[in-house]
PDB file of all heavy atoms in Angstrom:
ATOM      1  N   LEU A   1     114.765-174.459 160.573  1.00  0.00           N
ATOM      2  CA  LEU A   1     115.309-173.540 161.567  1.00  0.00           C
ATOM      3  C   LEU A   1     114.197-172.806 162.316  1.00  0.00           C
ATOM      4  O   LEU A   1     114.258-172.643 163.542  1.00  0.00           O
ATOM      5  CB  LEU A   1     116.237-172.533 160.885  1.00  0.00           C
ATOM      6  CG  LEU A   1     116.989-171.573 161.812  1.00  0.00           C
ATOM      7  CD1 LEU A   1     117.849-172.343 162.805  1.00  0.00           C
ATOM      8  CD2 LEU A   1     117.830-170.606 160.997  1.00  0.00           C
ATOM      9  N   ASP A   2     113.157-172.364 161.590  1.00  0.00           N
ATOM     10  CA  ASP A   2     112.033-171.683 162.242  1.00  0.00           C
ATOM     11  C   ASP A   2     111.332-172.602 163.241  1.00  0.00           C
ATOM     12  O   ASP A   2     110.949-172.180 164.341  1.00  0.00           O
ATOM     13  CB  ASP A   2     111.030-171.201 161.183  1.00  0.00           C
ATOM     14  CG  ASP A   2     111.571-170.038 160.368  1.00  0.00           C
ATOM     15  OD1 ASP A   2     112.535-169.396 160.821  1.00  0.00           O
ATOM     16  OD2 ASP A   2     111.036-169.783 159.267  1.00  0.00           O
ATOM     17  N   TYR A   3     111.155-173.865 162.849  1.00  0.00           N
ATOM     18  CA  TYR A   3     110.507-174.837 163.737  1.00  0.00           C
ATOM     19  C   TYR A   3     111.327-175.041 165.005  1.00  0.00           C
ATOM     20  O   TYR A   3     110.781-175.083 166.119  1.00  0.00           O
ATOM     21  CB  TYR A   3     110.320-176.155 162.998  1.00  0.00           C
ATOM     22  CG  TYR A   3     109.738-177.259 163.843  1.00  0.00           C
ATOM     23  CD1 TYR A   3     108.357-177.346 164.064  1.00  0.00           C
ATOM     24  CD2 TYR A   3     110.568-178.215 164.426  1.00  0.00           C
ATOM     25  CE1 TYR A   3     107.829-178.355 164.853  1.00  0.00           C
ATOM     26  CE2 TYR A   3     110.054-179.223 165.215  1.00  0.00           C
ATOM     27  CZ  TYR A   3     108.679-179.288 165.428  1.00  0.00           C
ATOM     28  OH  TYR A   3     108.157-180.288 166.214  1.00  0.00           O
ATOM     29  N   PHE A   4     112.650-175.158 164.848  1.00  0.00           N
ATOM     30  CA  PHE A   4     113.527-175.379 165.995  1.00  0.00           C
ATOM     31  C   PHE A   4     113.498-174.170 166.939  1.00  0.00           C
ATOM     32  O   PHE A   4     113.407-174.319 168.161  1.00  0.00           O
ATOM     33  CB  PHE A   4     114.951-175.649 165.516  1.00  0.00           C
ATOM     34  CG  PHE A   4     115.944-175.851 166.626  1.00  0.00           C
ATOM     35  CD1 PHE A   4     115.940-176.998 167.397  1.00  0.00           C
ATOM     36  CD2 PHE A   4     116.890-174.868 166.910  1.00  0.00           C
ATOM     37  CE1 PHE A   4     116.851-177.179 168.420  1.00  0.00           C
ATOM     38  CE2 PHE A   4     117.800-175.034 167.936  1.00  0.00           C
ATOM     39  CZ  PHE A   4     117.779-176.190 168.691  1.00  0.00           C
ATOM     40  N   GLU A   5     113.568-172.954 166.380  1.00  0.00           N
ATOM     41  CA  GLU A   5     113.573-171.758 167.206  1.00  0.00           C
ATOM     42  C   GLU A   5     112.243-171.589 167.956  1.00  0.00           C
ATOM     43  O   GLU A   5     112.225-171.163 169.119  1.00  0.00           O
ATOM     44  CB  GLU A   5     113.862-170.535 166.335  1.00  0.00           C
ATOM     45  CG  GLU A   5     115.295-170.485 165.831  1.00  0.00           C
ATOM     46  CD  GLU A   5     115.570-169.276 164.977  1.00  0.00           C
ATOM     47  OE1 GLU A   5     114.604-168.592 164.571  1.00  0.00           O
ATOM     48  OE2 GLU A   5     116.758-168.997 164.715  1.00  0.00           O
ATOM     49  N   GLU A   6     111.157-171.924 167.290  1.00  0.00           N
ATOM     50  CA  GLU A   6     109.853-171.841 167.947  1.00  0.00           C
ATOM     51  C   GLU A   6     109.754-172.852 169.086  1.00  0.00           C
ATOM     52  O   GLU A   6     109.194-172.565 170.145  1.00  0.00           O
ATOM     53  CB  GLU A   6     108.742-172.077 166.924  1.00  0.00           C
ATOM     54  CG  GLU A   6     107.339-171.940 167.501  1.00  0.00           C
ATOM     55  CD  GLU A   6     106.255-172.137 166.466  1.00  0.00           C
ATOM     56  OE1 GLU A   6     106.608-172.279 165.267  1.00  0.00           O
ATOM     57  OE2 GLU A   6     105.081-172.155 166.836  1.00  0.00           O
ATOM     58  N   ALA A   7     110.329-174.038 168.886  1.00  0.00           N
ATOM     59  CA  ALA A   7     110.267-175.081 169.905  1.00  0.00           C
ATOM     60  C   ALA A   7     111.031-174.688 171.167  1.00  0.00           C
ATOM     61  O   ALA A   7     110.635-175.038 172.285  1.00  0.00           O
ATOM     62  CB  ALA A   7     110.812-176.387 169.341  1.00  0.00           C
ATOM     63  N   ILE A   8     112.138-173.955 171.017  1.00  0.00           N
ATOM     64  CA  ILE A   8     112.933-173.566 172.190  1.00  0.00           C
ATOM     65  C   ILE A   8     112.610-172.149 172.653  1.00  0.00           C
ATOM     66  O   ILE A   8     113.234-171.648 173.598  1.00  0.00           O
ATOM     67  CB  ILE A   8     114.438-173.695 171.893  1.00  0.00           C
ATOM     68  CG1 ILE A   8     114.868-172.719 170.796  1.00  0.00           C
ATOM     69  CG2 ILE A   8     114.796-175.121 171.520  1.00  0.00           C
ATOM     70  CD1 ILE A   8     116.370-172.695 170.559  1.00  0.00           C
ATOM     71  N   GLY A   9     111.668-171.486 171.960  1.00  0.00           N
ATOM     72  CA  GLY A   9     111.262-170.152 172.373  1.00  0.00           C
ATOM     73  C   GLY A   9     112.260-169.063 172.054  1.00  0.00           C
ATOM     74  O   GLY A   9     112.321-168.038 172.746  1.00  0.00           O
ATOM     75  N   PHE A  10     113.049-169.230 171.025  1.00  0.00           N
ATOM     76  CA  PHE A  10     114.048-168.225 170.661  1.00  0.00           C
ATOM     77  C   PHE A  10     113.428-167.139 169.800  1.00  0.00           C
ATOM     78  O   PHE A  10     112.710-167.420 168.852  1.00  0.00           O
ATOM     79  CB  PHE A  10     115.206-168.883 169.908  1.00  0.00           C
ATOM     80  CG  PHE A  10     116.238-167.908 169.420  1.00  0.00           C
ATOM     81  CD1 PHE A  10     117.137-167.336 170.308  1.00  0.00           C
ATOM     82  CD2 PHE A  10     116.308-167.551 168.078  1.00  0.00           C
ATOM     83  CE1 PHE A  10     118.100-166.435 169.859  1.00  0.00           C
ATOM     84  CE2 PHE A  10     117.252-166.655 167.630  1.00  0.00           C
ATOM     85  CZ  PHE A  10     118.159-166.091 168.529  1.00  0.00           C
ATOM     86  N   ARG A  11     113.723-165.866 170.122  1.00  0.00           N
ATOM     87  CA  ARG A  11     113.239-164.733 169.347  1.00  0.00           C
ATOM     88  C   ARG A  11     114.435-163.872 168.938  1.00  0.00           C
ATOM     89  O   ARG A  11     115.012-163.187 169.785  1.00  0.00           O
ATOM     90  CB  ARG A  11     112.250-163.892 170.173  1.00  0.00           C
ATOM     91  CG  ARG A  11     110.954-164.600 170.530  1.00  0.00           C
ATOM     92  CD  ARG A  11     110.094-164.867 169.285  1.00  0.00           C
ATOM     93  NE  ARG A  11     108.835-165.516 169.652  1.00  0.00           N
ATOM     94  CZ  ARG A  11     108.663-166.827 169.689  1.00  0.00           C
ATOM     95  NH1 ARG A  11     109.703-167.630 169.429  1.00  0.00           N
ATOM     96  NH2 ARG A  11     107.492-167.349 170.015  1.00  0.00           N
ATOM     97  N   PRO A  12     114.826-163.912 167.663  1.00  0.00           N
ATOM     98  CA  PRO A  12     115.978-163.107 167.235  1.00  0.00           C
ATOM     99  C   PRO A  12     115.689-161.615 167.341  1.00  0.00           C
ATOM    100  O   PRO A  12     114.560-161.162 167.113  1.00  0.00           O
ATOM    101  CB  PRO A  12     116.173-163.534 165.784  1.00  0.00           C
ATOM    102  CG  PRO A  12     114.845-164.044 165.343  1.00  0.00           C
ATOM    103  CD  PRO A  12     114.221-164.660 166.556  1.00  0.00           C
ATOM    104  N   GLY A  13     116.721-160.842 167.687  1.00  0.00           N
ATOM    105  CA  GLY A  13     116.592-159.403 167.776  1.00  0.00           C
ATOM    106  C   GLY A  13     116.587-158.749 166.404  1.00  0.00           C
ATOM    107  O   GLY A  13     116.710-159.410 165.363  1.00  0.00           O
ATOM    108  N   LEU A  14     116.480-157.423 166.395  1.00  0.00           N
ATOM    109  CA  LEU A  14     116.380-156.681 165.142  1.00  0.00           C
ATOM    110  C   LEU A  14     117.623-156.864 164.281  1.00  0.00           C
ATOM    111  O   LEU A  14     117.528-157.138 163.077  1.00  0.00           O
ATOM    112  CB  LEU A  14     116.156-155.192 165.444  1.00  0.00           C
ATOM    113  CG  LEU A  14     116.105-154.264 164.214  1.00  0.00           C
ATOM    114  CD1 LEU A  14     114.958-154.663 163.297  1.00  0.00           C
ATOM    115  CD2 LEU A  14     115.986-152.809 164.659  1.00  0.00           C
ATOM    116  N   LEU A  15     118.798-156.716 164.883  1.00  0.00           N
ATOM    117  CA  LEU A  15     120.039-156.848 164.109  1.00  0.00           C
ATOM    118  C   LEU A  15     120.177-158.257 163.533  1.00  0.00           C
ATOM    119  O   LEU A  15     120.639-158.424 162.395  1.00  0.00           O
ATOM    120  CB  LEU A  15     121.241-156.504 164.984  1.00  0.00           C
ATOM    121  CG  LEU A  15     121.376-155.035 165.406  1.00  0.00           C
ATOM    122  CD1 LEU A  15     122.605-154.849 166.287  1.00  0.00           C
ATOM    123  CD2 LEU A  15     121.461-154.129 164.178  1.00  0.00           C
ATOM    124  N   GLU A  16     119.800-159.268 164.302  1.00  0.00           N
ATOM    125  CA  GLU A  16     119.875-160.636 163.807  1.00  0.00           C
ATOM    126  C   GLU A  16     118.915-160.856 162.654  1.00  0.00           C
ATOM    127  O   GLU A  16     119.237-161.543 161.683  1.00  0.00           O
ATOM    128  CB  GLU A  16     119.593-161.621 164.940  1.00  0.00           C
ATOM    129  CG  GLU A  16     119.550-163.087 164.521  1.00  0.00           C
ATOM    130  CD  GLU A  16     120.867-163.593 163.983  1.00  0.00           C
ATOM    131  OE1 GLU A  16     121.914-162.954 164.219  1.00  0.00           O
ATOM    132  OE2 GLU A  16     120.856-164.642 163.298  1.00  0.00           O
ATOM    133  N   ARG A  17     117.711-160.257 162.749  1.00  0.00           N
ATOM    134  CA  ARG A  17     116.749-160.389 161.644  1.00  0.00           C
ATOM    135  C   ARG A  17     117.258-159.705 160.380  1.00  0.00           C
ATOM    136  O   ARG A  17     117.092-160.219 159.271  1.00  0.00           O
ATOM    137  CB  ARG A  17     115.397-159.807 162.064  1.00  0.00           C
ATOM    138  CG  ARG A  17     114.684-160.624 163.136  1.00  0.00           C
ATOM    139  CD  ARG A  17     113.188-160.307 163.182  1.00  0.00           C
ATOM    140  NE  ARG A  17     112.928-158.903 163.477  1.00  0.00           N
ATOM    141  CZ  ARG A  17     112.810-158.402 164.700  1.00  0.00           C
ATOM    142  NH1 ARG A  17     112.935-159.208 165.759  1.00  0.00           N
ATOM    143  NH2 ARG A  17     112.547-157.126 164.893  1.00  0.00           N
ATOM    144  N   ILE A  18     117.901-158.550 160.551  1.00  0.00           N
ATOM    145  CA  ILE A  18     118.483-157.860 159.388  1.00  0.00           C
ATOM    146  C   ILE A  18     119.604-158.696 158.773  1.00  0.00           C
ATOM    147  O   ILE A  18     119.695-158.843 157.550  1.00  0.00           O
ATOM    148  CB  ILE A  18     119.000-156.470 159.808  1.00  0.00           C
ATOM    149  CG1 ILE A  18     117.842-155.571 160.216  1.00  0.00           C
ATOM    150  CG2 ILE A  18     119.796-155.829 158.667  1.00  0.00           C
ATOM    151  CD1 ILE A  18     118.275-154.225 160.767  1.00  0.00           C
ATOM    152  N   ARG A  19     120.465-159.242 159.640  1.00  0.00           N
ATOM    153  CA  ARG A  19     121.568-160.071 159.139  1.00  0.00           C
ATOM    154  C   ARG A  19     121.043-161.278 158.371  1.00  0.00           C
ATOM    155  O   ARG A  19     121.548-161.610 157.300  1.00  0.00           O
ATOM    156  CB  ARG A  19     122.434-160.524 160.319  1.00  0.00           C
ATOM    157  CG  ARG A  19     123.736-161.204 159.923  1.00  0.00           C
ATOM    158  CD  ARG A  19     124.387-161.891 161.102  1.00  0.00           C
ATOM    159  NE  ARG A  19     123.650-163.082 161.473  1.00  0.00           N
ATOM    160  CZ  ARG A  19     123.822-164.285 160.876  1.00  0.00           C
ATOM    161  NH1 ARG A  19     124.685-164.425 159.889  1.00  0.00           N
ATOM    162  NH2 ARG A  19     123.113-165.318 161.285  1.00  0.00           N
ATOM    163  N   ARG A  20     120.006-161.915 158.913  1.00  0.00           N
ATOM    164  CA  ARG A  20     119.446-163.083 158.237  1.00  0.00           C
ATOM    165  C   ARG A  20     118.833-162.698 156.895  1.00  0.00           C
ATOM    166  O   ARG A  20     118.972-163.425 155.909  1.00  0.00           O
ATOM    167  CB  ARG A  20     118.396-163.748 159.127  1.00  0.00           C
ATOM    168  CG  ARG A  20     118.962-164.456 160.338  1.00  0.00           C
ATOM    169  CD  ARG A  20     117.869-165.191 161.091  1.00  0.00           C
ATOM    170  NE  ARG A  20     118.390-165.864 162.262  1.00  0.00           N
ATOM    171  CZ  ARG A  20     117.660-166.649 163.056  1.00  0.00           C
ATOM    172  NH1 ARG A  20     116.368-166.827 162.788  1.00  0.00           N
ATOM    173  NH2 ARG A  20     118.203-167.241 164.086  1.00  0.00           N
ATOM    174  N   TRP A  21     118.145-161.559 156.864  1.00  0.00           N
ATOM    175  CA  TRP A  21     117.529-161.130 155.604  1.00  0.00           C
ATOM    176  C   TRP A  21     118.599-160.893 154.545  1.00  0.00           C
ATOM    177  O   TRP A  21     118.432-161.280 153.383  1.00  0.00           O
ATOM    178  CB  TRP A  21     116.710-159.854 155.818  1.00  0.00           C
ATOM    179  CG  TRP A  21     115.920-159.467 154.602  1.00  0.00           C
ATOM    180  CD1 TRP A  21     114.656-159.829 154.289  1.00  0.00           C
ATOM    181  CD2 TRP A  21     116.389-158.655 153.511  1.00  0.00           C
ATOM    182  NE1 TRP A  21     114.278-159.304 153.070  1.00  0.00           N
ATOM    183  CE2 TRP A  21     115.337-158.571 152.567  1.00  0.00           C
ATOM    184  CE3 TRP A  21     117.585-157.999 153.227  1.00  0.00           C
ATOM    185  CZ2 TRP A  21     115.439-157.851 151.381  1.00  0.00           C
ATOM    186  CZ3 TRP A  21     117.703-157.287 152.044  1.00  0.00           C
ATOM    187  CH2 TRP A  21     116.645-157.211 151.144  1.00  0.00           C
ATOM    188  N   ILE A  22     119.705-160.279 154.947  1.00  0.00           N
ATOM    189  CA  ILE A  22     120.792-160.007 153.998  1.00  0.00           C
ATOM    190  C   ILE A  22     121.361-161.309 153.441  1.00  0.00           C
ATOM    191  O   ILE A  22     121.563-161.460 152.232  1.00  0.00           O
ATOM    192  CB  ILE A  22     121.897-159.175 154.678  1.00  0.00           C
ATOM    193  CG1 ILE A  22     121.390-157.758 154.952  1.00  0.00           C
ATOM    194  CG2 ILE A  22     123.154-159.136 153.812  1.00  0.00           C
ATOM    195  CD1 ILE A  22     122.361-156.903 155.743  1.00  0.00           C
ATOM    196  N   PHE A  23     121.597-162.288 154.316  1.00  0.00           N
ATOM    197  CA  PHE A  23     122.170-163.544 153.850  1.00  0.00           C
ATOM    198  C   PHE A  23     121.167-164.368 153.049  1.00  0.00           C
ATOM    199  O   PHE A  23     121.548-165.082 152.126  1.00  0.00           O
ATOM    200  CB  PHE A  23     122.708-164.360 155.024  1.00  0.00           C
ATOM    201  CG  PHE A  23     124.089-163.952 155.455  1.00  0.00           C
ATOM    202  CD1 PHE A  23     124.268-163.029 156.475  1.00  0.00           C
ATOM    203  CD2 PHE A  23     125.203-164.470 154.832  1.00  0.00           C
ATOM    204  CE1 PHE A  23     125.537-162.641 156.869  1.00  0.00           C
ATOM    205  CE2 PHE A  23     126.475-164.092 155.209  1.00  0.00           C
ATOM    206  CZ  PHE A  23     126.646-163.163 156.238  1.00  0.00           C
ATOM    207  N   GLU A  24     119.875-164.267 153.380  1.00  0.00           N
ATOM    208  CA  GLU A  24     118.863-164.991 152.606  1.00  0.00           C
ATOM    209  C   GLU A  24     118.653-164.373 151.231  1.00  0.00           C
ATOM    210  O   GLU A  24     118.183-165.035 150.306  1.00  0.00           O
ATOM    211  CB  GLU A  24     117.539-165.009 153.377  1.00  0.00           C
ATOM    212  CG  GLU A  24     117.557-165.904 154.608  1.00  0.00           C
ATOM    213  CD  GLU A  24     116.305-165.747 155.454  1.00  0.00           C
ATOM    214  OE1 GLU A  24     115.393-164.995 155.028  1.00  0.00           O
ATOM    215  OE2 GLU A  24     116.231-166.363 156.540  1.00  0.00           O
ATOM    216  N   HIS A  25     118.992-163.095 151.083  1.00  0.00           N
ATOM    217  CA  HIS A  25     118.853-162.399 149.806  1.00  0.00           C
ATOM    218  C   HIS A  25     120.222-161.885 149.360  1.00  0.00           C
ATOM    219  O   HIS A  25     120.357-160.777 148.851  1.00  0.00           O
ATOM    220  CB  HIS A  25     117.859-161.238 149.924  1.00  0.00           C
ATOM    221  CG  HIS A  25     116.494-161.654 150.381  1.00  0.00           C
ATOM    222  ND1 HIS A  25     116.167-161.812 151.713  1.00  0.00           N
ATOM    223  CD2 HIS A  25     115.370-161.965 149.674  1.00  0.00           C
ATOM    224  CE1 HIS A  25     114.904-162.183 151.812  1.00  0.00           C
ATOM    225  NE2 HIS A  25     114.391-162.284 150.593  1.00  0.00           N
ATOM    226  N   SER A  26     121.254-162.715 149.576  1.00  0.00           N
ATOM    227  CA  SER A  26     122.634-162.278 149.335  1.00  0.00           C
ATOM    228  C   SER A  26     122.883-161.876 147.885  1.00  0.00           C
ATOM    229  O   SER A  26     123.566-160.888 147.617  1.00  0.00           O
ATOM    230  CB  SER A  26     123.613-163.379 149.753  1.00  0.00           C
ATOM    231  OG  SER A  26     123.299-164.601 149.110  1.00  0.00           O
ATOM    232  N   THR A  27     122.320-162.632 146.936  1.00  0.00           N
ATOM    233  CA  THR A  27     122.534-162.294 145.528  1.00  0.00           C
ATOM    234  C   THR A  27     121.915-160.948 145.196  1.00  0.00           C
ATOM    235  O   THR A  27     122.530-160.107 144.514  1.00  0.00           O
ATOM    236  CB  THR A  27     121.944-163.383 144.621  1.00  0.00           C
ATOM    237  OG1 THR A  27     122.553-164.639 144.920  1.00  0.00           O
ATOM    238  CG2 THR A  27     122.195-163.056 143.156  1.00  0.00           C
ATOM    239  N   LEU A  28     120.687-160.705 145.673  1.00  0.00           N
ATOM    240  CA  LEU A  28     120.025-159.420 145.442  1.00  0.00           C
ATOM    241  C   LEU A  28     120.811-158.276 146.052  1.00  0.00           C
ATOM    242  O   LEU A  28     121.041-157.235 145.410  1.00  0.00           O
ATOM    243  CB  LEU A  28     118.609-159.465 146.020  1.00  0.00           C
ATOM    244  CG  LEU A  28     117.823-158.141 145.997  1.00  0.00           C
ATOM    245  CD1 LEU A  28     117.582-157.697 144.563  1.00  0.00           C
ATOM    246  CD2 LEU A  28     116.506-158.286 146.757  1.00  0.00           C
ATOM    247  N   VAL A  29     121.264-158.450 147.292  1.00  0.00           N
ATOM    248  CA  VAL A  29     122.023-157.406 147.973  1.00  0.00           C
ATOM    249  C   VAL A  29     123.325-157.127 147.241  1.00  0.00           C
ATOM    250  O   VAL A  29     123.705-155.960 147.014  1.00  0.00           O
ATOM    251  CB  VAL A  29     122.294-157.810 149.434  1.00  0.00           C
ATOM    252  CG1 VAL A  29     123.256-156.838 150.109  1.00  0.00           C
ATOM    253  CG2 VAL A  29     120.988-157.891 150.218  1.00  0.00           C
ATOM    254  N   TYR A  30     124.018-158.178 146.843  1.00  0.00           N
ATOM    255  CA  TYR A  30     125.326-158.037 146.201  1.00  0.00           C
ATOM    256  C   TYR A  30     125.210-157.335 144.853  1.00  0.00           C
ATOM    257  O   TYR A  30     125.899-156.333 144.590  1.00  0.00           O
ATOM    258  CB  TYR A  30     125.942-159.420 146.044  1.00  0.00           C
ATOM    259  CG  TYR A  30     127.333-159.435 145.451  1.00  0.00           C
ATOM    260  CD1 TYR A  30     128.411-158.915 146.153  1.00  0.00           C
ATOM    261  CD2 TYR A  30     127.572-159.985 144.196  1.00  0.00           C
ATOM    262  CE1 TYR A  30     129.695-158.946 145.627  1.00  0.00           C
ATOM    263  CE2 TYR A  30     128.847-160.026 143.658  1.00  0.00           C
ATOM    264  CZ  TYR A  30     129.895-159.502 144.377  1.00  0.00           C
ATOM    265  OH  TYR A  30     131.157-159.525 143.845  1.00  0.00           O
ATOM    266  N   LEU A  31     124.343-157.833 143.990  1.00  0.00           N
ATOM    267  CA  LEU A  31     124.242-157.278 142.637  1.00  0.00           C
ATOM    268  C   LEU A  31     123.622-155.884 142.642  1.00  0.00           C
ATOM    269  O   LEU A  31     124.021-155.028 141.845  1.00  0.00           O
ATOM    270  CB  LEU A  31     123.433-158.224 141.753  1.00  0.00           C
ATOM    271  CG  LEU A  31     124.063-159.599 141.514  1.00  0.00           C
ATOM    272  CD1 LEU A  31     123.209-160.428 140.562  1.00  0.00           C
ATOM    273  CD2 LEU A  31     125.474-159.457 140.962  1.00  0.00           C
ATOM    274  N   SER A  32     122.648-155.637 143.524  1.00  0.00           N
ATOM    275  CA  SER A  32     122.069-154.294 143.583  1.00  0.00           C
ATOM    276  C   SER A  32     123.081-153.282 144.111  1.00  0.00           C
ATOM    277  O   SER A  32     123.100-152.122 143.675  1.00  0.00           O
ATOM    278  CB  SER A  32     120.807-154.303 144.451  1.00  0.00           C
ATOM    279  OG  SER A  32     121.114-154.691 145.773  1.00  0.00           O
ATOM    280  N   SER A  33     123.939-153.701 145.031  1.00  0.00           N
ATOM    281  CA  SER A  33     124.985-152.807 145.535  1.00  0.00           C
ATOM    282  C   SER A  33     125.965-152.448 144.429  1.00  0.00           C
ATOM    283  O   SER A  33     126.358-151.279 144.276  1.00  0.00           O
ATOM    284  CB  SER A  33     125.727-153.460 146.706  1.00  0.00           C
ATOM    285  OG  SER A  33     124.853-153.736 147.782  1.00  0.00           O
ATOM    286  N   ILE A  34     126.373-153.454 143.650  1.00  0.00           N
ATOM    287  CA  ILE A  34     127.293-153.195 142.542  1.00  0.00           C
ATOM    288  C   ILE A  34     126.643-152.269 141.514  1.00  0.00           C
ATOM    289  O   ILE A  34     127.269-151.322 141.017  1.00  0.00           O
ATOM    290  CB  ILE A  34     127.724-154.519 141.891  1.00  0.00           C
ATOM    291  CG1 ILE A  34     128.626-155.301 142.851  1.00  0.00           C
ATOM    292  CG2 ILE A  34     128.450-154.277 140.565  1.00  0.00           C
ATOM    293  CD1 ILE A  34     128.994-156.679 142.353  1.00  0.00           C
ATOM    294  N   SER A  35     125.374-152.517 141.203  1.00  0.00           N
ATOM    295  CA  SER A  35     124.677-151.675 140.229  1.00  0.00           C
ATOM    296  C   SER A  35     124.570-150.238 140.727  1.00  0.00           C
ATOM    297  O   SER A  35     124.775-149.287 139.959  1.00  0.00           O
ATOM    298  CB  SER A  35     123.279-152.242 139.961  1.00  0.00           C
ATOM    299  OG  SER A  35     123.351-153.554 139.458  1.00  0.00           O
ATOM    300  N   SER A  36     124.248-150.063 141.995  1.00  0.00           N
ATOM    301  CA  SER A  36     124.087-148.720 142.552  1.00  0.00           C
ATOM    302  C   SER A  36     125.399-147.946 142.520  1.00  0.00           C
ATOM    303  O   SER A  36     125.433-146.769 142.132  1.00  0.00           O
ATOM    304  CB  SER A  36     123.567-148.810 143.991  1.00  0.00           C
ATOM    305  OG  SER A  36     122.306-149.453 144.027  1.00  0.00           O
ATOM    306  N   VAL A  37     126.496-148.596 142.924  1.00  0.00           N
ATOM    307  CA  VAL A  37     127.791-147.917 142.920  1.00  0.00           C
ATOM    308  C   VAL A  37     128.223-147.610 141.487  1.00  0.00           C
ATOM    309  O   VAL A  37     128.779-146.535 141.211  1.00  0.00           O
ATOM    310  CB  VAL A  37     128.848-148.770 143.642  1.00  0.00           C
ATOM    311  CG1 VAL A  37     130.221-148.114 143.550  1.00  0.00           C
ATOM    312  CG2 VAL A  37     128.463-148.976 145.098  1.00  0.00           C
ATOM    313  N   THR A  38     127.960-148.528 140.556  1.00  0.00           N
ATOM    314  CA  THR A  38     128.299-148.278 139.154  1.00  0.00           C
ATOM    315  C   THR A  38     127.572-147.051 138.632  1.00  0.00           C
ATOM    316  O   THR A  38     128.169-146.177 137.976  1.00  0.00           O
ATOM    317  CB  THR A  38     127.939-149.505 138.291  1.00  0.00           C
ATOM    318  OG1 THR A  38     128.662-150.640 138.750  1.00  0.00           O
ATOM    319  CG2 THR A  38     128.287-149.257 136.830  1.00  0.00           C
ATOM    320  N   LEU A  39     126.278-146.955 138.904  1.00  0.00           N
ATOM    321  CA  LEU A  39     125.498-145.801 138.453  1.00  0.00           C
ATOM    322  C   LEU A  39     126.001-144.518 139.114  1.00  0.00           C
ATOM    323  O   LEU A  39     126.037-143.455 138.473  1.00  0.00           O
ATOM    324  CB  LEU A  39     124.024-146.025 138.765  1.00  0.00           C
ATOM    325  CG  LEU A  39     123.330-147.132 137.954  1.00  0.00           C
ATOM    326  CD1 LEU A  39     121.898-147.340 138.448  1.00  0.00           C
ATOM    327  CD2 LEU A  39     123.340-146.799 136.463  1.00  0.00           C
ATOM    328  N   LEU A  40     126.377-144.603 140.381  1.00  0.00           N
ATOM    329  CA  LEU A  40     126.891-143.428 141.085  1.00  0.00           C
ATOM    330  C   LEU A  40     128.183-142.929 140.451  1.00  0.00           C
ATOM    331  O   LEU A  40     128.354-141.724 140.213  1.00  0.00           O
ATOM    332  CB  LEU A  40     127.104-143.756 142.559  1.00  0.00           C
ATOM    333  CG  LEU A  40     127.691-142.631 143.428  1.00  0.00           C
ATOM    334  CD1 LEU A  40     126.761-141.423 143.427  1.00  0.00           C
ATOM    335  CD2 LEU A  40     127.947-143.127 144.845  1.00  0.00           C
ATOM    336  N   VAL A  41     129.104-143.849 140.161  1.00  0.00           N
ATOM    337  CA  VAL A  41     130.374-143.462 139.542  1.00  0.00           C
ATOM    338  C   VAL A  41     130.134-142.873 138.155  1.00  0.00           C
ATOM    339  O   VAL A  41     130.744-141.857 137.769  1.00  0.00           O
ATOM    340  CB  VAL A  41     131.321-144.675 139.467  1.00  0.00           C
ATOM    341  CG1 VAL A  41     132.585-144.326 138.684  1.00  0.00           C
ATOM    342  CG2 VAL A  41     131.685-145.158 140.866  1.00  0.00           C
ATOM    343  N   LEU A  42     129.238-143.494 137.388  1.00  0.00           N
ATOM    344  CA  LEU A  42     128.919-142.958 136.066  1.00  0.00           C
ATOM    345  C   LEU A  42     128.295-141.573 136.166  1.00  0.00           C
ATOM    346  O   LEU A  42     128.592-140.679 135.359  1.00  0.00           O
ATOM    347  CB  LEU A  42     127.962-143.912 135.334  1.00  0.00           C
ATOM    348  CG  LEU A  42     128.591-145.040 134.516  1.00  0.00           C
ATOM    349  CD1 LEU A  42     127.495-145.900 133.879  1.00  0.00           C
ATOM    350  CD2 LEU A  42     129.506-144.492 133.437  1.00  0.00           C
ATOM    351  N   ALA A  43     127.411-141.389 137.140  1.00  0.00           N
ATOM    352  CA  ALA A  43     126.775-140.086 137.311  1.00  0.00           C
ATOM    353  C   ALA A  43     127.804-139.004 137.624  1.00  0.00           C
ATOM    354  O   ALA A  43     127.739-137.887 137.088  1.00  0.00           O
ATOM    355  CB  ALA A  43     125.730-140.167 138.421  1.00  0.00           C
ATOM    356  N   ILE A  44     128.768-139.342 138.487  1.00  0.00           N
ATOM    357  CA  ILE A  44     129.826-138.375 138.800  1.00  0.00           C
ATOM    358  C   ILE A  44     130.628-138.025 137.556  1.00  0.00           C
ATOM    359  O   ILE A  44     130.948-136.852 137.301  1.00  0.00           O
ATOM    360  CB  ILE A  44     130.738-138.940 139.907  1.00  0.00           C
ATOM    361  CG1 ILE A  44     129.956-139.081 141.214  1.00  0.00           C
ATOM    362  CG2 ILE A  44     131.968-138.071 140.105  1.00  0.00           C
ATOM    363  CD1 ILE A  44     130.732-139.793 142.310  1.00  0.00           C
TER     364      ILE A  44
END
C-alpha cells in the first residue's frame, strides 16, 4: 500500500493517519481500552 501511494503521489491527512494507526494496532487499542475502563470502574 505504501508503494502504491508513493507511486501516485497520495499523502494521507492527519485524521486518515490516525485511523490507519488505530486499525493497524486494533488489538492494542481494544484491549487497552477495556483495561482502562475496568480500572476506572473499580476505582470508583
